[in-house]
Amino acid sequence: MNKNMNENPQLKESYDELCRLIAQTADEACLKDFFTCLFTEAERIDFARRWLLVKEIHNGTAQREIAKKFNMSLCRITRGSKELHKENSAFLKMLEKVQ
């Protein structure tokens, strides 16, 4: 299987469709049910942990402290930090919605 989604038009189309559907869905219970059906518990935990680390970085928590506190690799945390600090960061846009 291709690692780059853009190399597979069907995967890209499917991903785009999922993004559109999620963006159009205002029903939180429906989304939770959908995610439960679509993702394994381990995948949902991974999503939650990734979002948690983004919020921790945004709140000024040191990367090593996050790694220790949540048993996460520094590589994962560094990636989240880089994404958070990009110009026009989607992470920042989403964080603005929860504050």
PDB file of N, CA and C in Angstrom:
ATOM      1  N   MET A   1       0.844  -1.189   0.000  1.00  0.00           N
ATOM      2  CA  MET A   1       0.000   0.000   0.000  1.00  0.00           C
ATOM      3  C   MET A   1       0.883   1.244   0.000  1.00  0.00           C
ATOM      4  N   ASN A   2       0.470   2.239  -0.732  1.00  0.00           N
ATOM      5  CA  ASN A   2       1.229   3.493  -0.816  1.00  0.00           C
ATOM      6  C   ASN A   2       1.197   4.212   0.519  1.00  0.00           C
ATOM      7  N   LYS A   3       2.340   4.762   0.892  1.00  0.00           N
ATOM      8  CA  LYS A   3       2.394   5.540   2.128  1.00  0.00           C
ATOM      9  C   LYS A   3       1.863   6.949   1.907  1.00  0.00           C
ATOM     10  N   ASN A   4       1.987   7.448   0.687  1.00  0.00           N
ATOM     11  CA  ASN A   4       1.546   8.790   0.364  1.00  0.00           C
ATOM     12  C   ASN A   4       0.125   8.717  -0.191  1.00  0.00           C
ATOM     13  N   MET A   5      -0.816   9.292   0.534  1.00  0.00           N
ATOM     14  CA  MET A   5      -2.216   9.229   0.140  1.00  0.00           C
ATOM     15  C   MET A   5      -2.455   9.845  -1.238  1.00  0.00           C
ATOM     16  N   ASN A   6      -1.677  10.842  -1.590  1.00  0.00           N
ATOM     17  CA  ASN A   6      -1.854  11.500  -2.893  1.00  0.00           C
ATOM     18  C   ASN A   6      -1.507  10.584  -4.064  1.00  0.00           C
ATOM     19  N   GLU A   7      -0.809   9.496  -3.793  1.00  0.00           N
ATOM     20  CA  GLU A   7      -0.469   8.544  -4.843  1.00  0.00           C
ATOM     21  C   GLU A   7      -1.634   7.597  -5.146  1.00  0.00           C
ATOM     22  N   ASN A   8      -2.622   7.595  -4.288  1.00  0.00           N
ATOM     23  CA  ASN A   8      -3.773   6.718  -4.474  1.00  0.00           C
ATOM     24  C   ASN A   8      -5.035   7.579  -4.494  1.00  0.00           C
ATOM     25  N   PRO A   9      -5.586   7.853  -5.663  1.00  0.00           N
ATOM     26  CA  PRO A   9      -6.754   8.737  -5.769  1.00  0.00           C
ATOM     27  C   PRO A   9      -7.960   8.265  -4.953  1.00  0.00           C
ATOM     28  N   GLN A  10      -8.150   6.964  -4.848  1.00  0.00           N
ATOM     29  CA  GLN A  10      -9.288   6.461  -4.073  1.00  0.00           C
ATOM     30  C   GLN A  10      -9.126   6.764  -2.592  1.00  0.00           C
ATOM     31  N   LEU A  11      -7.913   6.598  -2.075  1.00  0.00           N
ATOM     32  CA  LEU A  11      -7.668   6.925  -0.670  1.00  0.00           C
ATOM     33  C   LEU A  11      -7.848   8.409  -0.414  1.00  0.00           C
ATOM     34  N   LYS A  12      -7.306   9.220  -1.299  1.00  0.00           N
ATOM     35  CA  LYS A  12      -7.443  10.677  -1.136  1.00  0.00           C
ATOM     36  C   LYS A  12      -8.908  11.081  -1.170  1.00  0.00           C
ATOM     37  N   GLU A  13      -9.665  10.533  -2.103  1.00  0.00           N
ATOM     38  CA  GLU A  13     -11.095  10.839  -2.206  1.00  0.00           C
ATOM     39  C   GLU A  13     -11.842  10.408  -0.939  1.00  0.00           C
ATOM     40  N   SER A  14     -11.502   9.245  -0.431  1.00  0.00           N
ATOM     41  CA  SER A  14     -12.136   8.742   0.787  1.00  0.00           C
ATOM     42  C   SER A  14     -11.810   9.635   1.983  1.00  0.00           C
ATOM     43  N   TYR A  15     -10.542  10.037   2.104  1.00  0.00           N
ATOM     44  CA  TYR A  15     -10.110  10.926   3.182  1.00  0.00           C
ATOM     45  C   TYR A  15     -10.831  12.275   3.090  1.00  0.00           C
ATOM     46  N   ASP A  16     -10.876  12.838   1.896  1.00  0.00           N
ATOM     47  CA  ASP A  16     -11.549  14.121   1.693  1.00  0.00           C
ATOM     48  C   ASP A  16     -13.025  14.015   2.060  1.00  0.00           C
ATOM     49  N   GLU A  17     -13.649  12.915   1.659  1.00  0.00           N
ATOM     50  CA  GLU A  17     -15.068  12.717   1.972  1.00  0.00           C
ATOM     51  C   GLU A  17     -15.289  12.636   3.485  1.00  0.00           C
ATOM     52  N   LEU A  18     -14.419  11.910   4.185  1.00  0.00           N
ATOM     53  CA  LEU A  18     -14.537  11.829   5.645  1.00  0.00           C
ATOM     54  C   LEU A  18     -14.399  13.210   6.283  1.00  0.00           C
ATOM     55  N   CYS A  19     -13.437  13.987   5.821  1.00  0.00           N
ATOM     56  CA  CYS A  19     -13.256  15.337   6.365  1.00  0.00           C
ATOM     57  C   CYS A  19     -14.501  16.191   6.151  1.00  0.00           C
ATOM     58  N   ARG A  20     -15.087  16.114   4.958  1.00  0.00           N
ATOM     59  CA  ARG A  20     -16.312  16.872   4.674  1.00  0.00           C
ATOM     60  C   ARG A  20     -17.453  16.429   5.588  1.00  0.00           C
ATOM     61  N   LEU A  21     -17.619  15.121   5.744  1.00  0.00           N
ATOM     62  CA  LEU A  21     -18.688  14.604   6.590  1.00  0.00           C
ATOM     63  C   LEU A  21     -18.533  15.056   8.042  1.00  0.00           C
ATOM     64  N   ILE A  22     -17.316  14.961   8.544  1.00  0.00           N
ATOM     65  CA  ILE A  22     -17.060  15.376   9.926  1.00  0.00           C
ATOM     66  C   ILE A  22     -17.311  16.871  10.084  1.00  0.00           C
ATOM     67  N   ALA A  23     -16.882  17.659   9.113  1.00  0.00           N
ATOM     68  CA  ALA A  23     -17.087  19.110   9.177  1.00  0.00           C
ATOM     69  C   ALA A  23     -18.567  19.480   9.159  1.00  0.00           C
ATOM     70  N   GLN A  24     -19.377  18.659   8.525  1.00  0.00           N
ATOM     71  CA  GLN A  24     -20.807  18.948   8.414  1.00  0.00           C
ATOM     72  C   GLN A  24     -21.618  18.408   9.587  1.00  0.00           C
ATOM     73  N   THR A  25     -21.000  17.605  10.437  1.00  0.00           N
ATOM     74  CA  THR A  25     -21.729  16.952  11.516  1.00  0.00           C
ATOM     75  C   THR A  25     -21.606  17.748  12.804  1.00  0.00           C
ATOM     76  N   ALA A  26     -22.718  18.256  13.279  1.00  0.00           N
ATOM     77  CA  ALA A  26     -22.730  19.029  14.515  1.00  0.00           C
ATOM     78  C   ALA A  26     -23.160  18.182  15.710  1.00  0.00           C
ATOM     79  N   ASP A  27     -23.565  16.951  15.458  1.00  0.00           N
ATOM     80  CA  ASP A  27     -24.071  16.059  16.501  1.00  0.00           C
ATOM     81  C   ASP A  27     -22.905  15.306  17.142  1.00  0.00           C
ATOM     82  N   GLU A  28     -22.513  15.749  18.353  1.00  0.00           N
ATOM     83  CA  GLU A  28     -21.354  15.164  19.031  1.00  0.00           C
ATOM     84  C   GLU A  28     -21.560  13.678  19.325  1.00  0.00           C
ATOM     85  N   ALA A  29     -22.755  13.285  19.738  1.00  0.00           N
ATOM     86  CA  ALA A  29     -23.029  11.875  20.027  1.00  0.00           C
ATOM     87  C   ALA A  29     -22.883  11.024  18.764  1.00  0.00           C
ATOM     88  N   CYS A  30     -23.350  11.551  17.642  1.00  0.00           N
ATOM     89  CA  CYS A  30     -23.222  10.839  16.372  1.00  0.00           C
ATOM     90  C   CYS A  30     -21.750  10.661  16.005  1.00  0.00           C
ATOM     91  N   LEU A  31     -20.953  11.718  16.189  1.00  0.00           N
ATOM     92  CA  LEU A  31     -19.525  11.625  15.879  1.00  0.00           C
ATOM     93  C   LEU A  31     -18.830  10.607  16.781  1.00  0.00           C
ATOM     94  N   LYS A  32     -19.175  10.605  18.062  1.00  0.00           N
ATOM     95  CA  LYS A  32     -18.566   9.636  18.974  1.00  0.00           C
ATOM     96  C   LYS A  32     -18.913   8.215  18.545  1.00  0.00           C
ATOM     97  N   ASP A  33     -20.165   7.983  18.195  1.00  0.00           N
ATOM     98  CA  ASP A  33     -20.575   6.663  17.718  1.00  0.00           C
ATOM     99  C   ASP A  33     -19.833   6.303  16.429  1.00  0.00           C
ATOM    100  N   PHE A  34     -19.728   7.272  15.526  1.00  0.00           N
ATOM    101  CA  PHE A  34     -19.036   7.052  14.252  1.00  0.00           C
ATOM    102  C   PHE A  34     -17.575   6.687  14.489  1.00  0.00           C
ATOM    103  N   PHE A  35     -16.898   7.449  15.366  1.00  0.00           N
ATOM    104  CA  PHE A  35     -15.496   7.160  15.668  1.00  0.00           C
ATOM    105  C   PHE A  35     -15.341   5.795  16.328  1.00  0.00           C
ATOM    106  N   THR A  36     -16.297   5.426  17.175  1.00  0.00           N
ATOM    107  CA  THR A  36     -16.254   4.115  17.817  1.00  0.00           C
ATOM    108  C   THR A  36     -16.368   2.999  16.784  1.00  0.00           C
ATOM    109  N   CYS A  37     -17.188   3.215  15.778  1.00  0.00           N
ATOM    110  CA  CYS A  37     -17.334   2.223  14.708  1.00  0.00           C
ATOM    111  C   CYS A  37     -16.103   2.202  13.793  1.00  0.00           C
ATOM    112  N   LEU A  38     -15.555   3.363  13.501  1.00  0.00           N
ATOM    113  CA  LEU A  38     -14.483   3.484  12.515  1.00  0.00           C
ATOM    114  C   LEU A  38     -13.112   3.109  13.061  1.00  0.00           C
ATOM    115  N   PHE A  39     -12.857   3.455  14.312  1.00  0.00           N
ATOM    116  CA  PHE A  39     -11.527   3.275  14.894  1.00  0.00           C
ATOM    117  C   PHE A  39     -11.556   2.260  16.034  1.00  0.00           C
ATOM    118  N   THR A  40     -10.440   1.562  16.204  1.00  0.00           N
ATOM    119  CA  THR A  40     -10.304   0.673  17.348  1.00  0.00           C
ATOM    120  C   THR A  40     -10.138   1.534  18.603  1.00  0.00           C
ATOM    121  N   GLU A  41     -10.293   0.909  19.755  1.00  0.00           N
ATOM    122  CA  GLU A  41     -10.088   1.654  21.000  1.00  0.00           C
ATOM    123  C   GLU A  41      -8.658   2.191  21.077  1.00  0.00           C
ATOM    124  N   ALA A  42      -7.698   1.402  20.626  1.00  0.00           N
ATOM    125  CA  ALA A  42      -6.295   1.847  20.641  1.00  0.00           C
ATOM    126  C   ALA A  42      -6.106   3.078  19.758  1.00  0.00           C
ATOM    127  N   GLU A  43      -6.768   3.106  18.610  1.00  0.00           N
ATOM    128  CA  GLU A  43      -6.659   4.269  17.719  1.00  0.00           C
ATOM    129  C   GLU A  43      -7.323   5.489  18.345  1.00  0.00           C
ATOM    130  N   ARG A  44      -8.460   5.307  19.001  1.00  0.00           N
ATOM    131  CA  ARG A  44      -9.122   6.434  19.672  1.00  0.00           C
ATOM    132  C   ARG A  44      -8.275   6.953  20.824  1.00  0.00           C
ATOM    133  N   ILE A  45      -7.638   6.055  21.545  1.00  0.00           N
ATOM    134  CA  ILE A  45      -6.739   6.469  22.627  1.00  0.00           C
ATOM    135  C   ILE A  45      -5.569   7.262  22.046  1.00  0.00           C
ATOM    136  N   ASP A  46      -5.031   6.798  20.935  1.00  0.00           N
ATOM    137  CA  ASP A  46      -3.921   7.504  20.293  1.00  0.00           C
ATOM    138  C   ASP A  46      -4.338   8.913  19.873  1.00  0.00           C
ATOM    139  N   PHE A  47      -5.526   9.050  19.284  1.00  0.00           N
ATOM    140  CA  PHE A  47      -6.031  10.383  18.915  1.00  0.00           C
ATOM    141  C   PHE A  47      -6.126  11.282  20.143  1.00  0.00           C
ATOM    142  N   ALA A  48      -6.711  10.747  21.197  1.00  0.00           N
ATOM    143  CA  ALA A  48      -6.893  11.537  22.419  1.00  0.00           C
ATOM    144  C   ALA A  48      -5.549  11.941  23.013  1.00  0.00           C
ATOM    145  N   ARG A  49      -4.593  11.031  23.011  1.00  0.00           N
ATOM    146  CA  ARG A  49      -3.261  11.335  23.549  1.00  0.00           C
ATOM    147  C   ARG A  49      -2.562  12.400  22.707  1.00  0.00           C
ATOM    148  N   ARG A  50      -2.699  12.327  21.396  1.00  0.00           N
ATOM    149  CA  ARG A  50      -2.081  13.334  20.530  1.00  0.00           C
ATOM    150  C   ARG A  50      -2.678  14.721  20.795  1.00  0.00           C
ATOM    151  N   TRP A  51      -3.990  14.783  20.943  1.00  0.00           N
ATOM    152  CA  TRP A  51      -4.631  16.066  21.223  1.00  0.00           C
ATOM    153  C   TRP A  51      -4.224  16.575  22.601  1.00  0.00           C
ATOM    154  N   LEU A  52      -4.121  15.662  23.564  1.00  0.00           N
ATOM    155  CA  LEU A  52      -3.688  16.023  24.905  1.00  0.00           C
ATOM    156  C   LEU A  52      -2.298  16.645  24.875  1.00  0.00           C
ATOM    157  N   LEU A  53      -1.383  16.053  24.120  1.00  0.00           N
ATOM    158  CA  LEU A  53      -0.024  16.608  24.081  1.00  0.00           C
ATOM    159  C   LEU A  53       0.000  17.973  23.410  1.00  0.00           C
ATOM    160  N   VAL A  54      -0.836  18.177  22.392  1.00  0.00           N
ATOM    161  CA  VAL A  54      -0.899  19.493  21.744  1.00  0.00           C
ATOM    162  C   VAL A  54      -1.368  20.546  22.755  1.00  0.00           C
ATOM    163  N   LYS A  55      -2.388  20.215  23.530  1.00  0.00           N
ATOM    164  CA  LYS A  55      -2.884  21.163  24.547  1.00  0.00           C
ATOM    165  C   LYS A  55      -1.829  21.431  25.609  1.00  0.00           C
ATOM    166  N   GLU A  56      -1.097  20.395  26.006  1.00  0.00           N
ATOM    167  CA  GLU A  56      -0.038  20.572  27.014  1.00  0.00           C
ATOM    168  C   GLU A  56       1.068  21.483  26.473  1.00  0.00           C
ATOM    169  N   ILE A  57       1.485  21.254  25.238  1.00  0.00           N
ATOM    170  CA  ILE A  57       2.520  22.109  24.637  1.00  0.00           C
ATOM    171  C   ILE A  57       2.015  23.550  24.575  1.00  0.00           C
ATOM    172  N   HIS A  58       0.779  23.717  24.135  1.00  0.00           N
ATOM    173  CA  HIS A  58       0.192  25.054  24.019  1.00  0.00           C
ATOM    174  C   HIS A  58       0.142  25.759  25.381  1.00  0.00           C
ATOM    175  N   ASN A  59      -0.062  24.994  26.444  1.00  0.00           N
ATOM    176  CA  ASN A  59      -0.123  25.563  27.793  1.00  0.00           C
ATOM    177  C   ASN A  59       1.256  25.792  28.402  1.00  0.00           C
ATOM    178  N   GLY A  60       2.318  25.462  27.638  1.00  0.00           N
ATOM    179  CA  GLY A  60       3.668  25.752  28.097  1.00  0.00           C
ATOM    180  C   GLY A  60       4.358  24.625  28.841  1.00  0.00           C
ATOM    181  N   THR A  61       3.768  23.460  28.887  1.00  0.00           N
ATOM    182  CA  THR A  61       4.403  22.330  29.557  1.00  0.00           C
ATOM    183  C   THR A  61       5.631  21.894  28.767  1.00  0.00           C
ATOM    184  N   ALA A  62       6.721  21.656  29.456  1.00  0.00           N
ATOM    185  CA  ALA A  62       7.969  21.229  28.806  1.00  0.00           C
ATOM    186  C   ALA A  62       7.789  19.856  28.167  1.00  0.00           C
ATOM    187  N   GLN A  63       8.448  19.655  27.023  1.00  0.00           N
ATOM    188  CA  GLN A  63       8.315  18.401  26.293  1.00  0.00           C
ATOM    189  C   GLN A  63       8.734  17.198  27.135  1.00  0.00           C
ATOM    190  N   ARG A  64       9.811  17.314  27.862  1.00  0.00           N
ATOM    191  CA  ARG A  64      10.260  16.187  28.699  1.00  0.00           C
ATOM    192  C   ARG A  64       9.252  15.886  29.802  1.00  0.00           C
ATOM    193  N   GLU A  65       8.622  16.914  30.323  1.00  0.00           N
ATOM    194  CA  GLU A  65       7.597  16.710  31.352  1.00  0.00           C
ATOM    195  C   GLU A  65       6.384  15.984  30.762  1.00  0.00           C
ATOM    196  N   ILE A  66       5.993  16.365  29.552  1.00  0.00           N
ATOM    197  CA  ILE A  66       4.878  15.691  28.866  1.00  0.00           C
ATOM    198  C   ILE A  66       5.232  14.226  28.636  1.00  0.00           C
ATOM    199  N   ALA A  67       6.451  13.970  28.169  1.00  0.00           N
ATOM    200  CA  ALA A  67       6.896  12.603  27.896  1.00  0.00           C
ATOM    201  C   ALA A  67       6.809  11.748  29.151  1.00  0.00           C
ATOM    202  N   LYS A  68       7.272  12.297  30.254  1.00  0.00           N
ATOM    203  CA  LYS A  68       7.268  11.554  31.515  1.00  0.00           C
ATOM    204  C   LYS A  68       5.851  11.388  32.054  1.00  0.00           C
ATOM    205  N   LYS A  69       5.091  12.475  32.039  1.00  0.00           N
ATOM    206  CA  LYS A  69       3.743  12.489  32.616  1.00  0.00           C
ATOM    207  C   LYS A  69       2.795  11.536  31.892  1.00  0.00           C
ATOM    208  N   PHE A  70       2.911  11.461  30.548  1.00  0.00           N
ATOM    209  CA  PHE A  70       1.964  10.673  29.757  1.00  0.00           C
ATOM    210  C   PHE A  70       2.614   9.486  29.037  1.00  0.00           C
ATOM    211  N   ASN A  71       3.865   9.190  29.399  1.00  0.00           N
ATOM    212  CA  ASN A  71       4.580   8.054  28.810  1.00  0.00           C
ATOM    213  C   ASN A  71       4.557   8.117  27.283  1.00  0.00           C
ATOM    214  N   MET A  72       5.010   9.244  26.747  1.00  0.00           N
ATOM    215  CA  MET A  72       5.045   9.471  25.306  1.00  0.00           C
ATOM    216  C   MET A  72       6.478   9.671  24.850  1.00  0.00           C
ATOM    217  N   SER A  73       6.723   9.356  23.590  1.00  0.00           N
ATOM    218  CA  SER A  73       8.064   9.551  23.043  1.00  0.00           C
ATOM    219  C   SER A  73       8.287  11.037  22.743  1.00  0.00           C
ATOM    220  N   LEU A  74       9.530  11.456  22.918  1.00  0.00           N
ATOM    221  CA  LEU A  74       9.881  12.837  22.590  1.00  0.00           C
ATOM    222  C   LEU A  74       9.696  13.111  21.104  1.00  0.00           C
ATOM    223  N   CYS A  75       9.881  12.097  20.276  1.00  0.00           N
ATOM    224  CA  CYS A  75       9.692  12.252  18.830  1.00  0.00           C
ATOM    225  C   CYS A  75       8.253  12.666  18.525  1.00  0.00           C
ATOM    226  N   ARG A  76       7.289  11.994  19.122  1.00  0.00           N
ATOM    227  CA  ARG A  76       5.875  12.316  18.910  1.00  0.00           C
ATOM    228  C   ARG A  76       5.568  13.727  19.410  1.00  0.00           C
ATOM    229  N   ILE A  77       6.123  14.064  20.552  1.00  0.00           N
ATOM    230  CA  ILE A  77       5.863  15.379  21.140  1.00  0.00           C
ATOM    231  C   ILE A  77       6.502  16.472  20.286  1.00  0.00           C
ATOM    232  N   THR A  78       7.713  16.234  19.805  1.00  0.00           N
ATOM    233  CA  THR A  78       8.399  17.210  18.951  1.00  0.00           C
ATOM    234  C   THR A  78       7.607  17.442  17.670  1.00  0.00           C
ATOM    235  N   ARG A  79       7.075  16.374  17.094  1.00  0.00           N
ATOM    236  CA  ARG A  79       6.262  16.516  15.882  1.00  0.00           C
ATOM    237  C   ARG A  79       5.039  17.391  16.166  1.00  0.00           C
ATOM    238  N   GLY A  80       4.377  17.142  17.284  1.00  0.00           N
ATOM    239  CA  GLY A  80       3.222  17.950  17.661  1.00  0.00           C
ATOM    240  C   GLY A  80       3.599  19.402  17.868  1.00  0.00           C
ATOM    241  N   SER A  81       4.747  19.622  18.488  1.00  0.00           N
ATOM    242  CA  SER A  81       5.218  20.982  18.733  1.00  0.00           C
ATOM    243  C   SER A  81       5.504  21.717  17.428  1.00  0.00           C
ATOM    244  N   LYS A  82       6.139  21.018  16.489  1.00  0.00           N
ATOM    245  CA  LYS A  82       6.442  21.636  15.186  1.00  0.00           C
ATOM    246  C   LYS A  82       5.158  22.014  14.461  1.00  0.00           C
ATOM    247  N   GLU A  83       4.167  21.126  14.498  1.00  0.00           N
ATOM    248  CA  GLU A  83       2.880  21.416  13.847  1.00  0.00           C
ATOM    249  C   GLU A  83       2.182  22.587  14.525  1.00  0.00           C
ATOM    250  N   LEU A  84       2.259  22.645  15.830  1.00  0.00           N
ATOM    251  CA  LEU A  84       1.612  23.719  16.591  1.00  0.00           C
ATOM    252  C   LEU A  84       2.233  25.078  16.272  1.00  0.00           C
ATOM    253  N   HIS A  85       3.527  25.105  16.008  1.00  0.00           N
ATOM    254  CA  HIS A  85       4.220  26.370  15.791  1.00  0.00           C
ATOM    255  C   HIS A  85       4.341  26.775  14.329  1.00  0.00           C
ATOM    256  N   LYS A  86       3.756  25.993  13.419  1.00  0.00           N
ATOM    257  CA  LYS A  86       3.750  26.377  12.008  1.00  0.00           C
ATOM    258  C   LYS A  86       2.868  27.602  11.795  1.00  0.00           C
ATOM    259  N   GLU A  87       3.211  28.383  10.773  1.00  0.00           N
ATOM    260  CA  GLU A  87       2.364  29.509  10.395  1.00  0.00           C
ATOM    261  C   GLU A  87       1.002  28.967   9.966  1.00  0.00           C
ATOM    262  N   ASN A  88      -0.065  29.601  10.402  1.00  0.00           N
ATOM    263  CA  ASN A  88      -1.437  29.173  10.111  1.00  0.00           C
ATOM    264  C   ASN A  88      -1.715  27.743  10.586  1.00  0.00           C
ATOM    265  N   SER A  89      -1.188  27.412  11.746  1.00  0.00           N
ATOM    266  CA  SER A  89      -1.325  26.067  12.298  1.00  0.00           C
ATOM    267  C   SER A  89      -2.788  25.657  12.484  1.00  0.00           C
ATOM    268  N   ALA A  90      -3.129  24.501  11.951  1.00  0.00           N
ATOM    269  CA  ALA A  90      -4.476  23.959  12.147  1.00  0.00           C
ATOM    270  C   ALA A  90      -4.691  23.637  13.628  1.00  0.00           C
ATOM    271  N   PHE A  91      -3.618  23.249  14.324  1.00  0.00           N
ATOM    272  CA  PHE A  91      -3.740  22.995  15.754  1.00  0.00           C
ATOM    273  C   PHE A  91      -4.192  24.258  16.487  1.00  0.00           C
ATOM    274  N   LEU A  92      -3.558  25.398  16.175  1.00  0.00           N
ATOM    275  CA  LEU A  92      -3.939  26.654  16.829  1.00  0.00           C
ATOM    276  C   LEU A  92      -5.387  27.017  16.522  1.00  0.00           C
ATOM    277  N   LYS A  93      -5.789  26.815  15.273  1.00  0.00           N
ATOM    278  CA  LYS A  93      -7.168  27.115  14.897  1.00  0.00           C
ATOM    279  C   LYS A  93      -8.150  26.279  15.693  1.00  0.00           C
ATOM    280  N   MET A  94      -7.818  25.012  15.899  1.00  0.00           N
ATOM    281  CA  MET A  94      -8.702  24.126  16.667  1.00  0.00           C
ATOM    282  C   MET A  94      -8.660  24.481  18.150  1.00  0.00           C
ATOM    283  N   LEU A  95      -7.488  24.840  18.672  1.00  0.00           N
ATOM    284  CA  LEU A  95      -7.381  25.225  20.068  1.00  0.00           C
ATOM    285  C   LEU A  95      -8.212  26.466  20.373  1.00  0.00           C
ATOM    286  N   GLU A  96      -8.300  27.381  19.408  1.00  0.00           N
ATOM    287  CA  GLU A  96      -9.114  28.572  19.587  1.00  0.00           C
ATOM    288  C   GLU A  96     -10.592  28.218  19.758  1.00  0.00           C
ATOM    289  N   LYS A  97     -11.020  27.104  19.193  1.00  0.00           N
ATOM    290  CA  LYS A  97     -12.413  26.682  19.278  1.00  0.00           C
ATOM    291  C   LYS A  97     -12.770  26.140  20.653  1.00  0.00           C
ATOM    292  N   VAL A  98     -11.778  25.643  21.405  1.00  0.00           N
ATOM    293  CA  VAL A  98     -12.060  25.062  22.719  1.00  0.00           C
ATOM    294  C   VAL A  98     -11.828  26.036  23.859  1.00  0.00           C
ATOM    295  N   GLN A  99     -11.260  27.182  23.581  1.00  0.00           N
ATOM    296  CA  GLN A  99     -10.975  28.132  24.662  1.00  0.00           C
ATOM    297  C   GLN A  99     -12.007  29.201  24.776  1.00  0.00           C
TER     298      GLN A  99
END
